[in-house]
Amino acid sequence: MAVATTVLGYAGLGFLTRCYALGIQKRNVLENLGGHAMLMTVFGAAGYYLHGVEGRQAELIQQKKEQILKNRQRMAGEAPQDDA
């Protein structure tokens, strides 16, 4: 997933969250656009951070997978062969 897609998705979620909160309070949804922009910025930043976390986790998983495969190969080479 591209960074822009993640950031825009989370920013949209922030906008919807703000609109929902104002709707619950029965206030005008377009009353204070600065509040919308602030919450969209915060949610967009969180999306950017989570995108980086996802990439780091995928890299760690790949490294662990390679380490496990090497250990399996090493253990298979050291295991005694009992044919008879």
PDB file of N, CA and C in Angstrom:
ATOM      1  N   MET A   1       0.847  -1.163   0.000  1.00  0.00           N
ATOM      2  CA  MET A   1       0.000   0.000   0.000  1.00  0.00           C
ATOM      3  C   MET A   1       0.899   1.234   0.000  1.00  0.00           C
ATOM      4  N   ALA A   2       0.584   2.176  -0.802  1.00  0.00           N
ATOM      5  CA  ALA A   2       1.394   3.379  -0.918  1.00  0.00           C
ATOM      6  C   ALA A   2       1.211   4.278   0.302  1.00  0.00           C
ATOM      7  N   VAL A   3       2.222   5.057   0.565  1.00  0.00           N
ATOM      8  CA  VAL A   3       2.193   5.951   1.725  1.00  0.00           C
ATOM      9  C   VAL A   3       1.053   6.954   1.595  1.00  0.00           C
ATOM     10  N   ALA A   4       0.887   7.518   0.413  1.00  0.00           N
ATOM     11  CA  ALA A   4      -0.160   8.527   0.213  1.00  0.00           C
ATOM     12  C   ALA A   4      -1.546   7.936   0.479  1.00  0.00           C
ATOM     13  N   THR A   5      -1.768   6.717   0.046  1.00  0.00           N
ATOM     14  CA  THR A   5      -3.057   6.069   0.263  1.00  0.00           C
ATOM     15  C   THR A   5      -3.323   5.881   1.747  1.00  0.00           C
ATOM     16  N   THR A   6      -2.303   5.459   2.480  1.00  0.00           N
ATOM     17  CA  THR A   6      -2.454   5.246   3.919  1.00  0.00           C
ATOM     18  C   THR A   6      -2.732   6.564   4.630  1.00  0.00           C
ATOM     19  N   VAL A   7      -1.953   7.581   4.310  1.00  0.00           N
ATOM     20  CA  VAL A   7      -2.115   8.877   4.970  1.00  0.00           C
ATOM     21  C   VAL A   7      -3.483   9.475   4.655  1.00  0.00           C
ATOM     22  N   LEU A   8      -3.879   9.441   3.394  1.00  0.00           N
ATOM     23  CA  LEU A   8      -5.180   9.998   3.019  1.00  0.00           C
ATOM     24  C   LEU A   8      -6.333   9.202   3.624  1.00  0.00           C
ATOM     25  N   GLY A   9      -6.168   7.906   3.716  1.00  0.00           N
ATOM     26  CA  GLY A   9      -7.198   7.073   4.332  1.00  0.00           C
ATOM     27  C   GLY A   9      -7.392   7.414   5.796  1.00  0.00           C
ATOM     28  N   TYR A  10      -6.295   7.552   6.512  1.00  0.00           N
ATOM     29  CA  TYR A  10      -6.393   7.910   7.924  1.00  0.00           C
ATOM     30  C   TYR A  10      -6.889   9.344   8.105  1.00  0.00           C
ATOM     31  N   ALA A  11      -6.498  10.249   7.225  1.00  0.00           N
ATOM     32  CA  ALA A  11      -6.993  11.627   7.293  1.00  0.00           C
ATOM     33  C   ALA A  11      -8.504  11.657   7.060  1.00  0.00           C
ATOM     34  N   GLY A  12      -8.979  10.857   6.121  1.00  0.00           N
ATOM     35  CA  GLY A  12     -10.418  10.749   5.882  1.00  0.00           C
ATOM     36  C   GLY A  12     -11.143  10.194   7.098  1.00  0.00           C
ATOM     37  N   LEU A  13     -10.514   9.236   7.757  1.00  0.00           N
ATOM     38  CA  LEU A  13     -11.090   8.694   8.985  1.00  0.00           C
ATOM     39  C   LEU A  13     -11.167   9.773  10.060  1.00  0.00           C
ATOM     40  N   GLY A  14     -10.153  10.617  10.134  1.00  0.00           N
ATOM     41  CA  GLY A  14     -10.180  11.730  11.084  1.00  0.00           C
ATOM     42  C   GLY A  14     -11.313  12.701  10.788  1.00  0.00           C
ATOM     43  N   PHE A  15     -11.524  12.999   9.502  1.00  0.00           N
ATOM     44  CA  PHE A  15     -12.621  13.884   9.102  1.00  0.00           C
ATOM     45  C   PHE A  15     -13.967  13.285   9.497  1.00  0.00           C
ATOM     46  N   LEU A  16     -14.142  12.011   9.205  1.00  0.00           N
ATOM     47  CA  LEU A  16     -15.405  11.347   9.547  1.00  0.00           C
ATOM     48  C   LEU A  16     -15.608  11.279  11.053  1.00  0.00           C
ATOM     49  N   THR A  17     -14.540  11.080  11.797  1.00  0.00           N
ATOM     50  CA  THR A  17     -14.634  11.038  13.257  1.00  0.00           C
ATOM     51  C   THR A  17     -15.104  12.386  13.797  1.00  0.00           C
ATOM     52  N   ARG A  18     -14.531  13.455  13.258  1.00  0.00           N
ATOM     53  CA  ARG A  18     -14.920  14.810  13.684  1.00  0.00           C
ATOM     54  C   ARG A  18     -16.389  15.077  13.337  1.00  0.00           C
ATOM     55  N   CYS A  19     -16.802  14.705  12.126  1.00  0.00           N
ATOM     56  CA  CYS A  19     -18.196  14.907  11.721  1.00  0.00           C
ATOM     57  C   CYS A  19     -19.142  14.097  12.601  1.00  0.00           C
ATOM     58  N   TYR A  20     -18.763  12.882  12.939  1.00  0.00           N
ATOM     59  CA  TYR A  20     -19.587  12.028  13.790  1.00  0.00           C
ATOM     60  C   TYR A  20     -19.717  12.627  15.186  1.00  0.00           C
ATOM     61  N   ALA A  21     -18.588  13.121  15.733  1.00  0.00           N
ATOM     62  CA  ALA A  21     -18.626  13.727  17.057  1.00  0.00           C
ATOM     63  C   ALA A  21     -19.529  14.967  17.074  1.00  0.00           C
ATOM     64  N   LEU A  22     -19.433  15.795  16.046  1.00  0.00           N
ATOM     65  CA  LEU A  22     -20.298  16.977  15.978  1.00  0.00           C
ATOM     66  C   LEU A  22     -21.758  16.575  15.779  1.00  0.00           C
ATOM     67  N   GLY A  23     -21.985  15.502  15.036  1.00  0.00           N
ATOM     68  CA  GLY A  23     -23.356  15.019  14.843  1.00  0.00           C
ATOM     69  C   GLY A  23     -23.971  14.524  16.134  1.00  0.00           C
ATOM     70  N   ILE A  24     -23.188  13.840  16.953  1.00  0.00           N
ATOM     71  CA  ILE A  24     -23.682  13.370  18.248  1.00  0.00           C
ATOM     72  C   ILE A  24     -24.054  14.558  19.128  1.00  0.00           C
ATOM     73  N   GLN A  25     -23.264  15.629  19.045  1.00  0.00           N
ATOM     74  CA  GLN A  25     -23.528  16.827  19.842  1.00  0.00           C
ATOM     75  C   GLN A  25     -24.630  17.700  19.238  1.00  0.00           C
ATOM     76  N   LYS A  26     -25.135  17.293  18.081  1.00  0.00           N
ATOM     77  CA  LYS A  26     -26.179  18.030  17.348  1.00  0.00           C
ATOM     78  C   LYS A  26     -25.723  19.466  17.037  1.00  0.00           C
ATOM     79  N   ARG A  27     -24.456  19.574  16.635  1.00  0.00           N
ATOM     80  CA  ARG A  27     -23.911  20.864  16.214  1.00  0.00           C
ATOM     81  C   ARG A  27     -23.750  20.846  14.707  1.00  0.00           C
ATOM     82  N   ASN A  28     -23.569  22.011  14.120  1.00  0.00           N
ATOM     83  CA  ASN A  28     -23.366  22.128  12.685  1.00  0.00           C
ATOM     84  C   ASN A  28     -22.058  21.435  12.306  1.00  0.00           C
ATOM     85  N   VAL A  29     -22.114  20.521  11.352  1.00  0.00           N
ATOM     86  CA  VAL A  29     -20.942  19.726  10.971  1.00  0.00           C
ATOM     87  C   VAL A  29     -19.843  20.599  10.376  1.00  0.00           C
ATOM     88  N   LEU A  30     -20.208  21.655   9.667  1.00  0.00           N
ATOM     89  CA  LEU A  30     -19.223  22.538   9.051  1.00  0.00           C
ATOM     90  C   LEU A  30     -18.989  23.800   9.875  1.00  0.00           C
ATOM     91  N   GLU A  31     -19.210  23.713  11.173  1.00  0.00           N
ATOM     92  CA  GLU A  31     -19.109  24.869  12.051  1.00  0.00           C
ATOM     93  C   GLU A  31     -17.681  25.396  12.171  1.00  0.00           C
ATOM     94  N   ASN A  32     -16.738  24.534  12.443  1.00  0.00           N
ATOM     95  CA  ASN A  32     -15.360  24.960  12.680  1.00  0.00           C
ATOM     96  C   ASN A  32     -14.439  24.104  11.815  1.00  0.00           C
ATOM     97  N   LEU A  33     -14.070  24.604  10.656  1.00  0.00           N
ATOM     98  CA  LEU A  33     -13.256  23.818   9.734  1.00  0.00           C
ATOM     99  C   LEU A  33     -11.830  23.633  10.233  1.00  0.00           C
ATOM    100  N   GLY A  34     -11.373  24.499  11.128  1.00  0.00           N
ATOM    101  CA  GLY A  34     -10.040  24.337  11.711  1.00  0.00           C
ATOM    102  C   GLY A  34      -9.940  23.064  12.532  1.00  0.00           C
ATOM    103  N   GLY A  35     -11.000  22.734  13.213  1.00  0.00           N
ATOM    104  CA  GLY A  35     -11.027  21.488  13.991  1.00  0.00           C
ATOM    105  C   GLY A  35     -10.941  20.269  13.086  1.00  0.00           C
ATOM    106  N   HIS A  36     -11.624  20.340  11.942  1.00  0.00           N
ATOM    107  CA  HIS A  36     -11.552  19.252  10.968  1.00  0.00           C
ATOM    108  C   HIS A  36     -10.114  19.090  10.462  1.00  0.00           C
ATOM    109  N   ALA A  37      -9.497  20.229  10.110  1.00  0.00           N
ATOM    110  CA  ALA A  37      -8.135  20.182   9.579  1.00  0.00           C
ATOM    111  C   ALA A  37      -7.149  19.646  10.619  1.00  0.00           C
ATOM    112  N   MET A  38      -7.325  20.060  11.859  1.00  0.00           N
ATOM    113  CA  MET A  38      -6.429  19.601  12.919  1.00  0.00           C
ATOM    114  C   MET A  38      -6.549  18.084  13.113  1.00  0.00           C
ATOM    115  N   LEU A  39      -7.776  17.579  13.194  1.00  0.00           N
ATOM    116  CA  LEU A  39      -7.964  16.152  13.407  1.00  0.00           C
ATOM    117  C   LEU A  39      -7.503  15.339  12.198  1.00  0.00           C
ATOM    118  N   MET A  40      -7.701  15.874  10.987  1.00  0.00           N
ATOM    119  CA  MET A  40      -7.213  15.190   9.792  1.00  0.00           C
ATOM    120  C   MET A  40      -5.690  15.121   9.796  1.00  0.00           C
ATOM    121  N   THR A  41      -5.035  16.182  10.258  1.00  0.00           N
ATOM    122  CA  THR A  41      -3.571  16.187  10.338  1.00  0.00           C
ATOM    123  C   THR A  41      -3.081  15.153  11.350  1.00  0.00           C
ATOM    124  N   VAL A  42      -3.726  15.098  12.494  1.00  0.00           N
ATOM    125  CA  VAL A  42      -3.329  14.142  13.533  1.00  0.00           C
ATOM    126  C   VAL A  42      -3.517  12.713  13.040  1.00  0.00           C
ATOM    127  N   PHE A  43      -4.658  12.420  12.447  1.00  0.00           N
ATOM    128  CA  PHE A  43      -4.919  11.073  11.951  1.00  0.00           C
ATOM    129  C   PHE A  43      -4.005  10.729  10.770  1.00  0.00           C
ATOM    130  N   GLY A  44      -3.715  11.705   9.916  1.00  0.00           N
ATOM    131  CA  GLY A  44      -2.792  11.482   8.811  1.00  0.00           C
ATOM    132  C   GLY A  44      -1.392  11.158   9.307  1.00  0.00           C
ATOM    133  N   ALA A  45      -0.943  11.858  10.342  1.00  0.00           N
ATOM    134  CA  ALA A  45       0.372  11.579  10.937  1.00  0.00           C
ATOM    135  C   ALA A  45       0.400  10.175  11.543  1.00  0.00           C
ATOM    136  N   ALA A  46      -0.692   9.796  12.191  1.00  0.00           N
ATOM    137  CA  ALA A  46      -0.773   8.443  12.747  1.00  0.00           C
ATOM    138  C   ALA A  46      -0.724   7.402  11.627  1.00  0.00           C
ATOM    139  N   GLY A  47      -1.379   7.674  10.516  1.00  0.00           N
ATOM    140  CA  GLY A  47      -1.339   6.760   9.378  1.00  0.00           C
ATOM    141  C   GLY A  47       0.057   6.634   8.801  1.00  0.00           C
ATOM    142  N   TYR A  48       0.774   7.748   8.730  1.00  0.00           N
ATOM    143  CA  TYR A  48       2.153   7.728   8.232  1.00  0.00           C
ATOM    144  C   TYR A  48       3.033   6.891   9.160  1.00  0.00           C
ATOM    145  N   TYR A  49       2.871   7.073  10.450  1.00  0.00           N
ATOM    146  CA  TYR A  49       3.643   6.302  11.427  1.00  0.00           C
ATOM    147  C   TYR A  49       3.327   4.812  11.317  1.00  0.00           C
ATOM    148  N   LEU A  50       2.042   4.477  11.220  1.00  0.00           N
ATOM    149  CA  LEU A  50       1.656   3.068  11.139  1.00  0.00           C
ATOM    150  C   LEU A  50       2.129   2.425   9.841  1.00  0.00           C
ATOM    151  N   HIS A  51       2.218   3.201   8.777  1.00  0.00           N
ATOM    152  CA  HIS A  51       2.760   2.667   7.527  1.00  0.00           C
ATOM    153  C   HIS A  51       4.222   2.267   7.722  1.00  0.00           C
ATOM    154  N   GLY A  52       4.991   3.079   8.423  1.00  0.00           N
ATOM    155  CA  GLY A  52       6.380   2.753   8.713  1.00  0.00           C
ATOM    156  C   GLY A  52       6.502   1.533   9.606  1.00  0.00           C
ATOM    157  N   VAL A  53       5.615   1.421  10.586  1.00  0.00           N
ATOM    158  CA  VAL A  53       5.621   0.265  11.485  1.00  0.00           C
ATOM    159  C   VAL A  53       5.369  -1.012  10.688  1.00  0.00           C
ATOM    160  N   GLU A  54       4.422  -0.950   9.765  1.00  0.00           N
ATOM    161  CA  GLU A  54       4.096  -2.114   8.938  1.00  0.00           C
ATOM    162  C   GLU A  54       5.313  -2.564   8.121  1.00  0.00           C
ATOM    163  N   GLY A  55       6.033  -1.609   7.556  1.00  0.00           N
ATOM    164  CA  GLY A  55       7.231  -1.942   6.773  1.00  0.00           C
ATOM    165  C   GLY A  55       8.319  -2.566   7.632  1.00  0.00           C
ATOM    166  N   ARG A  56       8.526  -2.006   8.823  1.00  0.00           N
ATOM    167  CA  ARG A  56       9.545  -2.556   9.727  1.00  0.00           C
ATOM    168  C   ARG A  56       9.169  -3.958  10.188  1.00  0.00           C
ATOM    169  N   GLN A  57       7.907  -4.195  10.465  1.00  0.00           N
ATOM    170  CA  GLN A  57       7.463  -5.518  10.883  1.00  0.00           C
ATOM    171  C   GLN A  57       7.640  -6.541   9.770  1.00  0.00           C
ATOM    172  N   ALA A  58       7.337  -6.164   8.540  1.00  0.00           N
ATOM    173  CA  ALA A  58       7.519  -7.083   7.413  1.00  0.00           C
ATOM    174  C   ALA A  58       8.994  -7.442   7.248  1.00  0.00           C
ATOM    175  N   GLU A  59       9.868  -6.470   7.434  1.00  0.00           N
ATOM    176  CA  GLU A  59      11.307  -6.726   7.327  1.00  0.00           C
ATOM    177  C   GLU A  59      11.783  -7.664   8.434  1.00  0.00           C
ATOM    178  N   LEU A  60      11.310  -7.451   9.655  1.00  0.00           N
ATOM    179  CA  LEU A  60      11.684  -8.329  10.765  1.00  0.00           C
ATOM    180  C   LEU A  60      11.173  -9.748  10.552  1.00  0.00           C
ATOM    181  N   ILE A  61       9.966  -9.881  10.032  1.00  0.00           N
ATOM    182  CA  ILE A  61       9.410 -11.206   9.768  1.00  0.00           C
ATOM    183  C   ILE A  61      10.250 -11.923   8.721  1.00  0.00           C
ATOM    184  N   GLN A  62      10.666 -11.217   7.686  1.00  0.00           N
ATOM    185  CA  GLN A  62      11.498 -11.812   6.643  1.00  0.00           C
ATOM    186  C   GLN A  62      12.842 -12.262   7.213  1.00  0.00           C
ATOM    187  N   GLN A  63      13.450 -11.464   8.079  1.00  0.00           N
ATOM    188  CA  GLN A  63      14.724 -11.838   8.690  1.00  0.00           C
ATOM    189  C   GLN A  63      14.566 -13.068   9.565  1.00  0.00           C
ATOM    190  N   LYS A  64      13.496 -13.136  10.355  1.00  0.00           N
ATOM    191  CA  LYS A  64      13.251 -14.298  11.212  1.00  0.00           C
ATOM    192  C   LYS A  64      13.016 -15.552  10.373  1.00  0.00           C
ATOM    193  N   LYS A  65      12.297 -15.391   9.260  1.00  0.00           N
ATOM    194  CA  LYS A  65      12.026 -16.523   8.378  1.00  0.00           C
ATOM    195  C   LYS A  65      13.328 -17.085   7.818  1.00  0.00           C
ATOM    196  N   GLU A  66      14.232 -16.196   7.381  1.00  0.00           N
ATOM    197  CA  GLU A  66      15.529 -16.635   6.868  1.00  0.00           C
ATOM    198  C   GLU A  66      16.345 -17.323   7.954  1.00  0.00           C
ATOM    199  N   GLN A  67      16.302 -16.781   9.176  1.00  0.00           N
ATOM    200  CA  GLN A  67      17.037 -17.371  10.292  1.00  0.00           C
ATOM    201  C   GLN A  67      16.499 -18.769  10.611  1.00  0.00           C
ATOM    202  N   ILE A  68      15.195 -18.941  10.595  1.00  0.00           N
ATOM    203  CA  ILE A  68      14.592 -20.248  10.868  1.00  0.00           C
ATOM    204  C   ILE A  68      14.987 -21.257   9.795  1.00  0.00           C
ATOM    205  N   LEU A  69      14.970 -20.832   8.529  1.00  0.00           N
ATOM    206  CA  LEU A  69      15.359 -21.744   7.451  1.00  0.00           C
ATOM    207  C   LEU A  69      16.823 -22.162   7.587  1.00  0.00           C
ATOM    208  N   LYS A  70      17.708 -21.228   7.947  1.00  0.00           N
ATOM    209  CA  LYS A  70      19.119 -21.568   8.154  1.00  0.00           C
ATOM    210  C   LYS A  70      19.280 -22.545   9.309  1.00  0.00           C
ATOM    211  N   ASN A  71      18.536 -22.324  10.387  1.00  0.00           N
ATOM    212  CA  ASN A  71      18.609 -23.235  11.525  1.00  0.00           C
ATOM    213  C   ASN A  71      18.101 -24.625  11.150  1.00  0.00           C
ATOM    214  N   ARG A  72      17.055 -24.695  10.365  1.00  0.00           N
ATOM    215  CA  ARG A  72      16.543 -26.001   9.927  1.00  0.00           C
ATOM    216  C   ARG A  72      17.569 -26.729   9.067  1.00  0.00           C
ATOM    217  N   GLN A  73      18.220 -25.992   8.171  1.00  0.00           N
ATOM    218  CA  GLN A  73      19.244 -26.607   7.326  1.00  0.00           C
ATOM    219  C   GLN A  73      20.419 -27.090   8.175  1.00  0.00           C
ATOM    220  N   ARG A  74      20.821 -26.295   9.138  1.00  0.00           N
ATOM    221  CA  ARG A  74      21.929 -26.664  10.009  1.00  0.00           C
ATOM    222  C   ARG A  74      21.576 -27.898  10.832  1.00  0.00           C
ATOM    223  N   MET A  75      20.365 -27.928  11.378  1.00  0.00           N
ATOM    224  CA  MET A  75      19.937 -29.068  12.192  1.00  0.00           C
ATOM    225  C   MET A  75      19.791 -30.328  11.335  1.00  0.00           C
ATOM    226  N   ALA A  76      19.352 -30.194  10.115  1.00  0.00           N
ATOM    227  CA  ALA A  76      19.205 -31.351   9.225  1.00  0.00           C
ATOM    228  C   ALA A  76      20.582 -31.900   8.850  1.00  0.00           C
ATOM    229  N   GLY A  77      21.567 -31.056   8.728  1.00  0.00           N
ATOM    230  CA  GLY A  77      22.920 -31.493   8.394  1.00  0.00           C
ATOM    231  C   GLY A  77      23.608 -32.154   9.570  1.00  0.00           C
ATOM    232  N   GLU A  78      23.277 -31.771  10.784  1.00  0.00           N
ATOM    233  CA  GLU A  78      23.912 -32.319  11.985  1.00  0.00           C
ATOM    234  C   GLU A  78      23.208 -33.547  12.513  1.00  0.00           C
ATOM    235  N   ALA A  79      21.982 -33.774  12.125  1.00  0.00           N
ATOM    236  CA  ALA A  79      21.198 -34.896  12.662  1.00  0.00           C
ATOM    237  C   ALA A  79      21.789 -36.218  12.179  1.00  0.00           C
ATOM    238  N   PRO A  80      21.983 -37.186  13.082  1.00  0.00           N
ATOM    239  CA  PRO A  80      22.519 -38.489  12.680  1.00  0.00           C
ATOM    240  C   PRO A  80      21.505 -39.260  11.836  1.00  0.00           C
ATOM    241  N   GLN A  81      22.025 -39.980  10.850  1.00  0.00           N
ATOM    242  CA  GLN A  81      21.195 -40.772   9.956  1.00  0.00           C
ATOM    243  C   GLN A  81      21.148 -42.207  10.473  1.00  0.00           C
ATOM    244  N   ASP A  82      20.001 -42.689  10.942  1.00  0.00           N
ATOM    245  CA  ASP A  82      19.832 -44.052  11.428  1.00  0.00           C
ATOM    246  C   ASP A  82      19.095 -44.870  10.384  1.00  0.00           C
ATOM    247  N   ASP A  83      19.863 -45.472   9.462  1.00  0.00           N
ATOM    248  CA  ASP A  83      19.244 -46.263   8.401  1.00  0.00           C
ATOM    249  C   ASP A  83      19.040 -47.709   8.838  1.00  0.00           C
ATOM    250  N   ALA A  84      19.907 -48.223   9.716  1.00  0.00           N
ATOM    251  CA  ALA A  84      19.734 -49.619  10.170  1.00  0.00           C
ATOM    252  C   ALA A  84      20.630 -49.920  11.320  1.00  0.00           C
TER     253      ALA A  84
END
